[in-house]
Amino acid sequence: MRSLSLTTALVALALAVGGSAGKSNTGKSSKPPGHGPGKPKIKDVSAACNTLFTTLPNQVAFPNTTSYALSSNYWSTRQSALHPSCFLTPSSPAAVSSALKLLTSNSIPFTVKSGGHTAFPGSNINSTGITIDLRLLNTITVSPDRRTVSVGPGNHWINVTTVLDPLGLAVVGGRSADPGIGGLTLGGGISYFSGQRGWACDNVRAYEVVLASGEMVTASPTSNSDLYWSLRGGAATNLGIVTRFDLASFEQGLLWANSLVYNATLNSTLIPLFQNLTVTGLPSDPAAHTYFGFVRQPELGEYLIYSDQFHATPASSDATNVPEVFEPFAQVPALVRLPRLSNLTALLQAIQQPYGERQIWMNVAVKGTSAALLQDILPLHEEHVQRMLNSANGTRVTPYLTFQPIPVNVLDAMQVNGGNALGLTRDDGPLVIVQSATAWVSEALDWNVESSTRVFIQDVERLAKRRNLDHGFIYMNYAEDSQDVFDRYGPDNKKRLREVAKKYDPDGVLQKLWRGYFKLWYQA
C-alpha cells in the first residue's frame, strides 16, 4: 500500500530515537427529466458549467472561489495541479442523474472524484472538462438490524470508522484514513479483515448506480447481477457513477496491532519468515493480516524494513501477547516494536501520508512460493532508487517497496456472491503484490521517477518469468495509468467486462466522455 506503513514506522522510530441513506433501492429505475427534444445543444464546457449552475443551484464551483478550492484538494500534487473549468458538487443522487444526462447528451467531457487519493495525474480531475466532486454525498446510515451500512461515495474511510467504532461495528474497508469510499471499493479494497471476508468489493450488498443515460438502478446479486459483478473490480468509469454503497457490517471490537522496524541487514532472515507467513501462517489464522516492506531513510541507517501486523480477534487484553501466527517475528531483534490494542479509527489515523507531495504507484503480482525471488527483488529496487537519486540533485525523494500477500484464504473469500471481476482463484495463489511507491517534491523529476519505476516493475516481471514464478495480476488501486489492468484480469473476464459495459452503455458514451482512470475501450 503505497507507504501504508511509513507513518507508523516513522512515528515508532521517533519514539525509539527521541524518546443517501435509508432503505436500499428496490431495483426499480427512475429516469430524470431529460434535456428534451427541441432544446439547444450546449456547445462547449464553459456553457455546460453555466447551464449546470442554473439547473443545479449552489452545486457548481468556478475558479477563484472557496468552494472550487475545497474541491481541488487532492492527495498527490500531480493531481491538484490540474484545473477543470468548474467543479460540480451534486447534493443528491438525483442531481448526479440530472447532471450526467446533460453532460452525455451534449458530449461534454467530465471526470468523477470520490476521495481524490489516486497518484497519477488526470485520474479523477482534468483540465479540459468538468469534474464531478461527490464530497456532498456523504451520508452514513446503519440499518436497524446492524447488518448493513449505507455509505455515500463522498466519505473518506475515517468518516466511516468514526461512526462505526462507538457502535462496535466494522465493514471491510480501507486501512488508511484519507482514501475515498468509491475508488478503494470499486478497485478491490485490501482490508484488515480480508483474511476472513475477502476484499472490500466482495462485501458490497448493493450499489446504487447512475448509468450513462441518467437512469438510476440498483446492482446486487439479485438485481442487475451482471452489473454487480462488474463493479467488483471493473472500474465504474466504464459502467456508471455509484452514488451509494450498501456494505455488509459485522460486530468488531479492538484489534491487536504491532508496528515493527528492523535494520535492513536482517532481510535474509525476515523475508523467509514473511514468505512462510504468506503460504502457511495467514491461511492457518484468517483473522491475521500483514504487509512487509523497505524504505530508504539515510539519516537512520540507509534502508529499513517495516512490517505492520494486525489481528482482528486478540486473545487477551495484554497487547504484549503476540498472536501465535506472528511469533517468529518476535524472535528477531527489532529497532522498534509498537504493540497495542486499537480501534479502527486510531489505526487509520496512524497510517496515512501527508498531502503536498508528488506521488507514483506501480505494482505487479508474483507467486508467493519463493523466498529467493522476493530476496532477489531487493537489488532491483536498490538500482531503481539509485537511478532516481542520481537525477534528484539533492532534492527529496522517498521510495518504498512493499510486499503485500494474497494468501489462498483471501482468494477463497473473494468467491462469494458469484465472485468478483479480478480473475483470481485459489489456484492462482498464494500471491504477493510487489508495489513500488515514491513521493517527491520537484516537478522536474516527474519523468525520471516515472520511467525508473516502470523499469523496476518490468525487471521484477522478467525475473519472475525466468523462474516460472510470474503471475501478472495488477491491482488497480496501486496501478499507474500506463499499466493495462484489465488485460491482467484474463481474456475471459476482460471480454465479460466489455460485454456488460456495452449492455449498460451501448453507445460507449462513458468511454468517450469520462476522462481518466482505466478504460475497457470496447467498440460501441
Protein backbone atom coordinates (compact mmCIF):
# COMPACT_ATOMS: atom_id res chain seq x y z
CA MET A 1 0.00 0.00 0.00
CA ARG A 2 1.94 2.94 -1.30
CA SER A 3 3.54 3.91 2.06
CA LEU A 4 0.88 2.36 4.24
CA SER A 5 3.36 1.64 6.95
CA LEU A 6 5.62 4.64 6.54
CA THR A 7 3.87 6.92 9.01
CA THR A 8 3.57 4.16 11.58
CA ALA A 9 7.24 3.28 11.15
CA LEU A 10 8.44 6.85 11.44
CA VAL A 11 6.25 7.53 14.47
CA ALA A 12 7.69 4.43 16.07
CA LEU A 13 11.22 5.46 15.12
CA ALA A 14 10.67 8.87 16.63
CA LEU A 15 9.72 7.17 19.87
CA ALA A 16 12.79 4.99 19.65
CA VAL A 17 15.37 7.64 18.86
CA GLY A 18 13.88 10.60 20.74
CA GLY A 19 12.08 9.33 23.42
CA SER A 20 -28.22 8.58 0.69
CA ALA A 21 -29.14 6.60 3.47
CA GLY A 22 -32.24 4.72 4.32
CA LYS A 23 -33.78 1.70 2.65
CA SER A 24 -31.97 0.06 -0.23
CA ASN A 25 -33.20 0.76 -3.73
CA THR A 26 -35.63 -1.99 -4.68
CA GLY A 27 -34.27 -2.31 -8.21
CA LYS A 28 -36.80 -0.01 -9.84
CA SER A 29 -35.21 2.60 -12.05
CA SER A 30 -36.12 6.24 -12.25
CA LYS A 31 -35.22 8.41 -15.21
CA PRO A 32 -34.51 12.09 -14.57
CA PRO A 33 -36.00 14.88 -16.63
CA GLY A 34 -34.17 14.85 -19.95
CA HIS A 35 -32.54 17.60 -21.92
CA GLY A 36 -35.54 17.26 -24.16
CA PRO A 37 -36.09 17.45 -27.89
CA GLY A 38 -36.00 20.95 -29.27
CA LYS A 39 -33.67 22.29 -26.60
CA PRO A 40 -30.48 23.82 -28.00
CA LYS A 41 -27.28 21.84 -27.73
CA ILE A 42 -24.64 23.10 -25.31
CA LYS A 43 -21.63 23.99 -27.41
CA ASP A 44 -18.70 23.86 -25.01
CA VAL A 45 -17.56 23.12 -21.46
CA SER A 46 -17.93 26.71 -20.31
CA ALA A 47 -21.53 26.78 -21.45
CA ALA A 48 -22.14 23.46 -19.72
CA CYS A 49 -20.83 24.90 -16.45
CA ASN A 50 -23.18 27.84 -16.78
CA THR A 51 -26.15 25.58 -17.54
CA LEU A 52 -25.39 23.36 -14.56
CA PHE A 53 -25.07 26.48 -12.41
CA THR A 54 -28.62 27.41 -13.44
CA THR A 55 -30.20 23.97 -13.21
CA LEU A 56 -28.45 22.85 -10.02
CA PRO A 57 -28.20 25.96 -7.84
CA ASN A 58 -25.34 26.16 -5.33
CA GLN A 59 -23.77 22.97 -6.70
CA VAL A 60 -21.29 24.40 -9.23
CA ALA A 61 -17.95 25.95 -8.26
CA PHE A 62 -15.95 28.21 -10.57
CA PRO A 63 -12.23 29.05 -10.35
CA ASN A 64 -11.09 31.53 -7.69
CA THR A 65 -13.89 30.64 -5.29
CA THR A 66 -13.76 28.97 -1.89
CA SER A 67 -15.89 26.03 -3.00
CA TYR A 68 -13.61 25.45 -6.01
CA ALA A 69 -10.59 25.36 -3.68
CA LEU A 70 -12.32 22.80 -1.46
CA SER A 71 -12.91 20.50 -4.40
CA SER A 72 -9.31 20.97 -5.62
CA ASN A 73 -7.99 19.15 -2.56
CA TYR A 74 -6.07 16.10 -3.85
CA TRP A 75 -3.54 13.88 -2.09
CA SER A 76 -0.99 13.92 -4.92
CA THR A 77 0.08 17.35 -6.15
CA ARG A 78 0.36 15.85 -9.63
CA GLN A 79 -3.44 15.82 -9.46
CA SER A 80 -4.12 19.14 -7.79
CA ALA A 81 -2.02 20.94 -10.42
CA LEU A 82 -4.87 20.37 -12.90
CA HIS A 83 -7.78 22.80 -13.03
CA PRO A 84 -11.17 21.94 -14.56
CA SER A 85 -13.47 24.58 -15.98
CA CYS A 86 -15.72 24.02 -12.99
CA PHE A 87 -16.47 21.53 -10.25
CA LEU A 88 -19.96 20.13 -9.91
CA THR A 89 -20.71 19.09 -6.32
CA PRO A 90 -24.10 17.33 -6.57
CA SER A 91 -26.08 17.33 -3.36
CA SER A 92 -28.10 14.18 -4.12
CA PRO A 93 -28.12 11.13 -6.39
CA ALA A 94 -30.92 12.81 -8.35
CA ALA A 95 -28.59 15.74 -9.05
CA VAL A 96 -25.93 13.30 -10.30
CA SER A 97 -28.53 11.80 -12.59
CA SER A 98 -29.63 15.15 -13.99
CA ALA A 99 -26.05 16.31 -14.50
CA LEU A 100 -24.94 13.11 -16.22
CA LYS A 101 -27.93 13.29 -18.54
CA LEU A 102 -26.99 16.84 -19.52
CA LEU A 103 -23.29 16.08 -19.97
CA THR A 104 -23.70 12.93 -22.01
CA SER A 105 -26.44 14.30 -24.24
CA ASN A 106 -24.21 17.26 -25.09
CA SER A 107 -20.90 15.36 -25.40
CA ILE A 108 -19.22 17.29 -22.56
CA PRO A 109 -16.08 15.66 -21.16
CA PHE A 110 -16.01 15.08 -17.41
CA THR A 111 -14.37 13.09 -14.66
CA VAL A 112 -15.50 11.99 -11.19
CA LYS A 113 -13.84 12.39 -7.80
CA SER A 114 -14.63 10.39 -4.67
CA GLY A 115 -11.74 10.84 -2.23
CA GLY A 116 -9.09 12.23 -4.60
CA HIS A 117 -6.43 9.78 -3.42
CA THR A 118 -5.12 8.41 -6.72
CA ALA A 119 -1.48 9.15 -7.54
CA PHE A 120 -1.32 9.70 -11.28
CA PRO A 121 -2.49 12.98 -12.88
CA GLY A 122 -5.85 13.09 -14.61
CA SER A 123 -7.27 10.02 -12.92
CA ASN A 124 -10.11 11.92 -11.23
CA ILE A 125 -9.56 15.50 -12.33
CA ASN A 126 -9.00 17.07 -15.73
CA SER A 127 -8.26 20.45 -17.26
CA THR A 128 -10.42 20.04 -20.36
CA GLY A 129 -13.84 19.46 -18.86
CA ILE A 130 -15.93 19.28 -15.72
CA THR A 131 -15.05 17.38 -12.55
CA ILE A 132 -17.94 15.92 -10.59
CA ASP A 133 -16.90 16.00 -6.93
CA LEU A 134 -19.07 13.63 -4.88
CA ARG A 135 -18.00 15.00 -1.47
CA LEU A 136 -21.53 16.13 -0.57
CA LEU A 137 -22.85 12.57 -0.97
CA ASN A 138 -21.52 11.74 2.47
CA THR A 139 -24.35 10.03 4.34
CA ILE A 140 -23.58 7.04 6.59
CA THR A 141 -26.60 5.05 7.77
CA VAL A 142 -26.67 1.83 9.79
CA SER A 143 -29.63 -0.48 9.14
CA PRO A 144 -31.90 -1.36 12.07
CA ASP A 145 -30.55 -4.93 12.16
CA ARG A 146 -26.93 -3.58 12.16
CA ARG A 147 -26.03 -5.84 9.21
CA THR A 148 -25.74 -3.15 6.54
CA VAL A 149 -24.14 0.29 6.45
CA SER A 150 -25.20 2.52 3.55
CA VAL A 151 -22.36 4.87 2.66
CA GLY A 152 -22.16 7.75 0.21
CA PRO A 153 -19.10 7.93 -2.08
CA GLY A 154 -18.16 11.36 -0.74
CA ASN A 155 -16.89 9.84 2.50
CA HIS A 156 -13.31 9.03 3.38
CA TRP A 157 -12.76 5.81 5.31
CA ILE A 158 -12.02 7.71 8.51
CA ASN A 159 -15.59 9.08 8.37
CA VAL A 160 -16.96 5.55 8.34
CA THR A 161 -14.87 4.18 11.21
CA THR A 162 -15.60 7.24 13.33
CA VAL A 163 -19.30 6.41 13.11
CA LEU A 164 -18.97 2.63 13.47
CA ASP A 165 -16.35 2.30 16.23
CA PRO A 166 -18.65 3.55 19.02
CA LEU A 167 -21.28 1.07 17.83
CA GLY A 168 -18.90 -1.89 17.97
CA LEU A 169 -19.30 -2.39 14.22
CA ALA A 170 -16.97 -2.53 11.23
CA VAL A 171 -17.03 -3.03 7.47
CA VAL A 172 -14.39 -4.41 5.13
CA GLY A 173 -12.75 -1.18 4.05
CA GLY A 174 -9.59 0.88 3.84
CA ARG A 175 -6.52 0.73 6.07
CA SER A 176 -5.71 4.43 5.83
CA ALA A 177 -7.72 7.49 6.82
CA ASP A 178 -7.73 9.53 3.61
CA PRO A 179 -8.74 7.30 0.64
CA GLY A 180 -12.33 7.66 -0.51
CA ILE A 181 -15.03 5.02 -0.38
CA GLY A 182 -15.55 4.94 -4.14
CA GLY A 183 -12.10 4.35 -5.57
CA LEU A 184 -10.93 1.86 -2.98
CA THR A 185 -14.09 -0.27 -3.07
CA LEU A 186 -14.55 -0.28 -6.85
CA GLY A 187 -10.90 -1.21 -7.45
CA GLY A 188 -10.83 -4.10 -4.97
CA GLY A 189 -10.03 -2.86 -1.48
CA ILE A 190 -7.48 -4.70 0.68
CA SER A 191 -8.60 -4.66 4.31
CA TYR A 192 -7.57 -5.71 7.81
CA PHE A 193 -10.43 -8.22 7.55
CA SER A 194 -9.62 -9.67 4.12
CA GLY A 195 -8.37 -12.98 5.50
CA GLN A 196 -11.86 -13.80 6.71
CA ARG A 197 -14.05 -11.78 4.36
CA GLY A 198 -12.22 -11.02 1.12
CA TRP A 199 -11.64 -7.54 -0.26
CA ALA A 200 -13.98 -4.56 0.11
CA CYS A 201 -15.61 -5.19 -3.28
CA ASP A 202 -16.64 -8.65 -2.05
CA ASN A 203 -18.60 -7.15 0.82
CA VAL A 204 -20.93 -4.77 -1.01
CA ARG A 205 -24.52 -5.90 -0.72
CA ALA A 206 -25.74 -3.48 -3.36
CA TYR A 207 -24.70 -0.45 -5.39
CA GLU A 208 -26.90 2.47 -6.38
CA VAL A 209 -25.64 3.44 -9.84
CA VAL A 210 -26.40 6.27 -12.26
CA LEU A 211 -25.91 4.95 -15.80
CA ALA A 212 -24.71 6.92 -18.82
CA SER A 213 -28.32 7.62 -19.77
CA GLY A 214 -29.02 9.20 -16.37
CA GLU A 215 -31.11 6.20 -15.32
CA MET A 216 -30.66 5.18 -11.70
CA VAL A 217 -30.54 1.46 -10.95
CA THR A 218 -29.59 -0.93 -8.18
CA ALA A 219 -26.93 -3.58 -8.77
CA SER A 220 -26.91 -6.55 -6.39
CA PRO A 221 -26.69 -10.35 -6.54
CA THR A 222 -30.40 -10.41 -7.40
CA SER A 223 -30.86 -7.18 -9.39
CA ASN A 224 -28.69 -6.37 -12.42
CA SER A 225 -26.32 -9.08 -11.22
CA ASP A 226 -24.01 -8.69 -14.23
CA LEU A 227 -23.51 -5.04 -13.39
CA TYR A 228 -22.96 -6.00 -9.75
CA TRP A 229 -20.21 -8.45 -10.75
CA SER A 230 -18.56 -5.86 -13.00
CA LEU A 231 -18.48 -3.19 -10.31
CA ARG A 232 -16.47 -5.54 -8.10
CA GLY A 233 -13.10 -4.50 -9.57
CA GLY A 234 -14.21 -3.36 -13.02
CA ALA A 235 -13.82 0.42 -12.58
CA ALA A 236 -17.02 2.45 -12.57
CA THR A 237 -15.59 4.73 -15.28
CA ASN A 238 -16.87 2.14 -17.75
CA LEU A 239 -20.22 1.49 -16.09
CA GLY A 240 -21.74 4.45 -14.26
CA ILE A 241 -21.43 6.71 -11.23
CA VAL A 242 -22.03 4.88 -7.96
CA THR A 243 -23.98 7.10 -5.58
CA ARG A 244 -24.37 4.66 -2.67
CA PHE A 245 -22.62 1.56 -1.37
CA ASP A 246 -24.57 -0.81 0.88
CA LEU A 247 -21.77 -2.50 2.82
CA ALA A 248 -22.03 -5.68 4.88
CA SER A 249 -21.27 -4.84 8.52
CA PHE A 250 -20.30 -7.04 11.46
CA GLU A 251 -19.55 -6.86 15.18
CA GLN A 252 -15.96 -5.78 15.87
CA GLY A 253 -14.07 -4.77 18.98
CA LEU A 254 -10.46 -3.70 19.33
CA LEU A 255 -7.79 -5.10 17.00
CA TRP A 256 -4.31 -6.17 18.02
CA ALA A 257 -1.68 -4.25 16.05
CA ASN A 258 2.10 -4.18 16.06
CA SER A 259 4.42 -1.89 14.10
CA LEU A 260 7.89 -3.32 13.63
CA VAL A 261 11.02 -1.67 12.27
CA TYR A 262 14.20 -3.62 11.56
CA ASN A 263 17.64 -2.96 10.22
CA ALA A 264 17.62 -3.96 6.55
CA THR A 265 20.68 -6.17 7.09
CA LEU A 266 18.20 -8.70 8.52
CA ASN A 267 16.42 -9.14 5.18
CA SER A 268 17.74 -12.69 4.66
CA THR A 269 16.16 -13.65 7.99
CA LEU A 270 12.91 -11.72 7.68
CA ILE A 271 11.96 -12.39 4.05
CA PRO A 272 11.71 -16.18 4.55
CA LEU A 273 9.54 -15.54 7.62
CA PHE A 274 7.25 -13.29 5.57
CA GLN A 275 7.10 -15.77 2.69
CA ASN A 276 6.23 -18.63 5.06
CA LEU A 277 3.57 -16.42 6.65
CA THR A 278 2.05 -15.90 3.20
CA VAL A 279 1.99 -19.61 2.37
CA THR A 280 1.07 -21.23 5.68
CA GLY A 281 0.67 -18.72 8.53
CA LEU A 282 -2.09 -16.48 7.22
CA PRO A 283 -4.26 -19.34 5.88
CA SER A 284 -3.95 -21.03 9.29
CA ASP A 285 -5.26 -17.90 11.04
CA PRO A 286 -7.59 -15.88 8.76
CA ALA A 287 -8.03 -13.19 11.44
CA ALA A 288 -4.40 -12.15 10.85
CA HIS A 289 -3.24 -9.54 8.34
CA THR A 290 0.13 -8.02 7.45
CA TYR A 291 2.36 -6.35 4.89
CA PHE A 292 6.14 -6.05 4.67
CA GLY A 293 8.41 -3.51 3.04
CA PHE A 294 11.52 -1.41 2.67
CA VAL A 295 12.05 2.32 2.92
CA ARG A 296 15.18 4.40 2.39
CA GLN A 297 15.90 6.57 5.42
CA PRO A 298 19.60 7.50 5.21
CA GLU A 299 19.51 9.52 8.44
CA LEU A 300 18.53 6.33 10.26
CA GLY A 301 20.76 3.80 8.55
CA GLU A 302 20.06 3.92 4.79
CA TYR A 303 17.41 1.17 4.39
CA LEU A 304 14.92 -0.01 6.97
CA ILE A 305 12.49 -2.92 6.92
CA TYR A 306 8.98 -2.25 8.18
CA SER A 307 6.15 -4.64 8.89
CA ASP A 308 2.76 -3.86 10.32
CA GLN A 309 0.81 -6.79 11.76
CA PHE A 310 -2.85 -6.96 12.74
CA HIS A 311 -5.19 -9.47 14.30
CA ALA A 312 -8.96 -9.00 14.35
CA THR A 313 -9.56 -11.10 17.46
CA PRO A 314 -6.85 -10.51 20.08
CA ALA A 315 -6.51 -13.37 22.53
CA SER A 316 -6.18 -11.16 25.60
CA SER A 317 -6.29 -7.57 26.82
CA ASP A 318 -2.50 -7.56 27.10
CA ALA A 319 -1.06 -6.12 23.88
CA THR A 320 2.32 -7.70 24.58
CA ASN A 321 0.78 -11.14 23.98
CA VAL A 322 1.78 -11.75 20.36
CA PRO A 323 -0.63 -13.89 18.31
CA GLU A 324 0.96 -17.25 17.56
CA VAL A 325 0.92 -16.62 13.81
CA PHE A 326 3.33 -13.67 14.28
CA GLU A 327 5.51 -15.25 16.97
CA PRO A 328 8.50 -15.95 14.63
CA PHE A 329 8.91 -12.21 14.07
CA ALA A 330 9.04 -11.62 17.83
CA GLN A 331 12.27 -13.62 17.95
CA VAL A 332 14.13 -11.29 15.57
CA PRO A 333 15.84 -8.22 17.10
CA ALA A 334 13.93 -5.08 16.11
CA LEU A 335 14.73 -1.39 16.30
CA VAL A 336 11.13 -0.70 17.24
CA ARG A 337 8.16 -2.73 18.41
CA LEU A 338 4.89 -0.92 18.97
CA PRO A 339 2.23 -3.45 20.05
CA ARG A 340 -1.17 -2.08 21.03
CA LEU A 341 -4.88 -2.78 21.12
CA SER A 342 -6.67 -0.24 18.98
CA ASN A 343 -9.95 0.62 17.38
CA LEU A 344 -10.06 1.12 13.63
CA THR A 345 -10.17 4.90 13.74
CA ALA A 346 -6.86 5.10 15.60
CA LEU A 347 -5.25 2.63 13.20
CA LEU A 348 -6.42 4.60 10.16
CA GLN A 349 -5.17 7.84 11.65
CA ALA A 350 -1.75 6.33 12.33
CA ILE A 351 -1.40 5.05 8.78
CA GLN A 352 -1.63 7.99 6.44
CA GLN A 353 0.76 10.00 4.34
CA PRO A 354 0.57 13.80 4.29
CA TYR A 355 -0.78 15.73 1.34
CA GLY A 356 1.53 18.04 -0.59
CA GLU A 357 3.94 15.73 -2.42
CA ARG A 358 4.04 14.22 -5.88
CA GLN A 359 3.23 10.52 -5.91
CA ILE A 360 3.52 7.43 -8.08
CA TRP A 361 2.45 3.82 -7.54
CA MET A 362 3.04 0.78 -9.71
CA ASN A 363 2.65 -2.91 -8.93
CA VAL A 364 2.61 -6.45 -10.22
CA ALA A 365 1.82 -9.78 -8.53
CA VAL A 366 4.23 -12.71 -8.40
CA LYS A 367 3.88 -16.20 -6.99
CA GLY A 368 4.36 -16.21 -3.25
CA THR A 369 6.07 -19.59 -3.09
CA SER A 370 9.70 -18.46 -3.28
CA ALA A 371 11.57 -16.50 -0.63
CA ALA A 372 14.55 -16.40 -3.01
CA LEU A 373 12.52 -14.46 -5.58
CA LEU A 374 11.48 -11.85 -3.02
CA GLN A 375 15.06 -11.65 -1.81
CA ASP A 376 16.36 -11.04 -5.33
CA ILE A 377 13.88 -8.22 -5.93
CA LEU A 378 15.76 -6.11 -3.39
CA PRO A 379 18.82 -5.39 -5.59
CA LEU A 380 16.44 -4.38 -8.41
CA HIS A 381 14.77 -1.93 -6.04
CA GLU A 382 18.14 -0.52 -4.95
CA GLU A 383 19.08 0.06 -8.61
CA HIS A 384 15.77 1.86 -9.11
CA VAL A 385 16.40 4.04 -6.06
CA GLN A 386 19.90 4.91 -7.22
CA ARG A 387 18.61 5.95 -10.66
CA MET A 388 16.19 8.38 -9.01
CA LEU A 389 18.77 9.73 -6.59
CA ASN A 390 21.21 10.35 -9.42
CA SER A 391 18.68 12.65 -11.08
CA ALA A 392 17.35 14.28 -7.91
CA ASN A 393 20.32 16.62 -7.35
CA GLY A 394 19.75 16.53 -3.63
CA THR A 395 16.01 17.20 -3.68
CA ARG A 396 13.87 14.92 -1.55
CA VAL A 397 12.86 11.56 -2.99
CA THR A 398 11.33 8.91 -0.72
CA PRO A 399 10.97 5.46 -2.30
CA TYR A 400 9.13 2.49 -0.83
CA LEU A 401 8.95 -1.17 -1.75
CA THR A 402 6.08 -3.10 -0.20
CA PHE A 403 5.21 -6.80 -0.37
CA GLN A 404 1.50 -7.42 0.17
CA PRO A 405 0.39 -11.03 0.49
CA ILE A 406 -2.69 -12.53 -1.16
CA PRO A 407 -2.87 -15.91 0.60
CA VAL A 408 -5.25 -18.64 -0.51
CA ASN A 409 -7.77 -17.91 2.26
CA VAL A 410 -8.25 -14.40 0.83
CA LEU A 411 -8.69 -15.83 -2.67
CA ASP A 412 -11.33 -18.23 -1.32
CA ALA A 413 -13.19 -15.37 0.36
CA MET A 414 -13.29 -13.44 -2.93
CA GLN A 415 -15.59 -16.02 -4.49
CA VAL A 416 -18.76 -15.09 -2.56
CA ASN A 417 -21.85 -13.90 -4.44
CA GLY A 418 -20.60 -15.06 -7.81
CA GLY A 419 -17.04 -13.82 -7.40
CA ASN A 420 -15.51 -10.51 -8.47
CA ALA A 421 -14.07 -9.27 -11.76
CA LEU A 422 -10.41 -9.60 -10.77
CA GLY A 423 -9.94 -13.05 -12.28
CA LEU A 424 -8.26 -14.57 -9.20
CA THR A 425 -9.00 -18.01 -7.71
CA ARG A 426 -7.36 -20.27 -5.13
CA ASP A 427 -5.38 -21.94 -7.94
CA ASP A 428 -3.60 -18.62 -8.58
CA GLY A 429 -2.29 -18.35 -5.05
CA PRO A 430 -0.59 -17.66 -2.92
CA LEU A 431 0.48 -14.37 -4.47
CA VAL A 432 2.50 -11.37 -3.37
CA ILE A 433 1.81 -7.90 -4.75
CA VAL A 434 5.14 -6.17 -5.36
CA GLN A 435 4.35 -2.49 -5.03
CA SER A 436 6.70 0.40 -5.79
CA ALA A 437 5.72 3.81 -4.46
CA THR A 438 7.65 7.08 -4.47
CA ALA A 439 6.98 10.53 -3.04
CA TRP A 440 8.93 13.55 -4.27
CA VAL A 441 8.58 17.33 -4.43
CA SER A 442 10.14 18.62 -7.66
CA GLU A 443 8.08 18.56 -10.85
CA ALA A 444 11.36 18.42 -12.78
CA LEU A 445 11.82 14.84 -11.55
CA ASP A 446 8.50 13.54 -12.88
CA TRP A 447 9.83 11.84 -15.99
CA ASN A 448 12.82 10.29 -14.23
CA VAL A 449 10.73 8.89 -11.39
CA GLU A 450 8.05 7.55 -13.74
CA SER A 451 10.48 5.93 -16.17
CA SER A 452 12.62 4.38 -13.42
CA THR A 453 9.52 2.96 -11.70
CA ARG A 454 8.38 1.35 -14.96
CA VAL A 455 11.82 -0.17 -15.49
CA PHE A 456 11.77 -1.60 -11.96
CA ILE A 457 8.36 -3.27 -12.40
CA GLN A 458 9.45 -4.65 -15.78
CA ASP A 459 12.61 -6.02 -14.16
CA VAL A 460 10.53 -7.72 -11.46
CA GLU A 461 8.31 -9.34 -14.07
CA ARG A 462 11.28 -10.54 -16.12
CA LEU A 463 12.95 -12.01 -13.06
CA ALA A 464 9.75 -13.83 -12.05
CA LYS A 465 9.19 -15.19 -15.57
CA ARG A 466 12.71 -16.60 -15.75
CA ARG A 467 11.89 -18.64 -12.64
CA ASN A 468 8.33 -19.56 -13.69
CA LEU A 469 7.05 -17.56 -10.73
CA ASP A 470 5.26 -14.81 -12.62
CA HIS A 471 1.54 -14.22 -12.39
CA GLY A 472 0.95 -10.78 -13.84
CA PHE A 473 -2.11 -9.60 -11.91
CA ILE A 474 -2.06 -5.82 -11.46
CA TYR A 475 -4.01 -4.37 -8.56
CA MET A 476 -5.93 -1.37 -9.88
CA ASN A 477 -5.69 0.70 -6.71
CA TYR A 478 -1.88 0.67 -6.85
CA ALA A 479 -1.54 0.88 -10.63
CA GLU A 480 -0.10 3.60 -12.83
CA ASP A 481 -2.03 4.69 -15.90
CA SER A 482 0.41 3.05 -18.31
CA GLN A 483 -0.42 -0.38 -16.85
CA ASP A 484 -3.09 -2.47 -18.62
CA VAL A 485 -5.05 -3.54 -15.55
CA PHE A 486 -7.92 -5.24 -17.38
CA ASP A 487 -5.63 -7.26 -19.60
CA ARG A 488 -4.23 -8.84 -16.44
CA TYR A 489 -7.70 -9.97 -15.32
CA GLY A 490 -7.53 -12.60 -18.06
CA PRO A 491 -9.17 -12.67 -21.52
CA ASP A 492 -12.46 -14.16 -20.32
CA ASN A 493 -13.01 -11.56 -17.60
CA LYS A 494 -11.94 -8.70 -19.85
CA LYS A 495 -14.37 -9.89 -22.53
CA ARG A 496 -17.17 -10.21 -20.00
CA LEU A 497 -16.50 -6.75 -18.60
CA ARG A 498 -16.67 -5.26 -22.07
CA GLU A 499 -19.96 -7.02 -22.78
CA VAL A 500 -21.51 -5.73 -19.56
CA ALA A 501 -20.25 -2.20 -20.18
CA LYS A 502 -21.71 -2.27 -23.69
CA LYS A 503 -25.03 -3.55 -22.36
CA TYR A 504 -25.42 -0.67 -19.90
CA ASP A 505 -23.77 1.95 -22.15
CA PRO A 506 -24.45 0.74 -25.71
CA ASP A 507 -23.20 3.93 -27.35
CA GLY A 508 -19.93 3.94 -25.41
CA VAL A 509 -20.68 7.37 -24.01
CA LEU A 510 -18.67 6.87 -20.82
CA GLN A 511 -15.57 5.55 -22.55
CA LYS A 512 -15.62 8.63 -24.79
CA LEU A 513 -16.52 11.34 -22.27
CA TRP A 514 -15.44 10.12 -18.83
CA ARG A 515 -11.78 11.09 -18.83
CA GLY A 516 -9.11 9.44 -16.73
CA TYR A 517 -8.63 6.22 -14.83
CA PHE A 518 -8.75 2.79 -16.50
CA LYS A 519 -10.79 2.07 -19.61
CA LEU A 520 -12.06 -1.09 -21.28
CA TRP A 521 -12.13 0.52 -24.75
CA TYR A 522 -14.84 -1.65 -26.26
CA GLN A 523 -16.29 -1.00 -29.68
CA ALA A 524 -19.61 0.81 -29.32
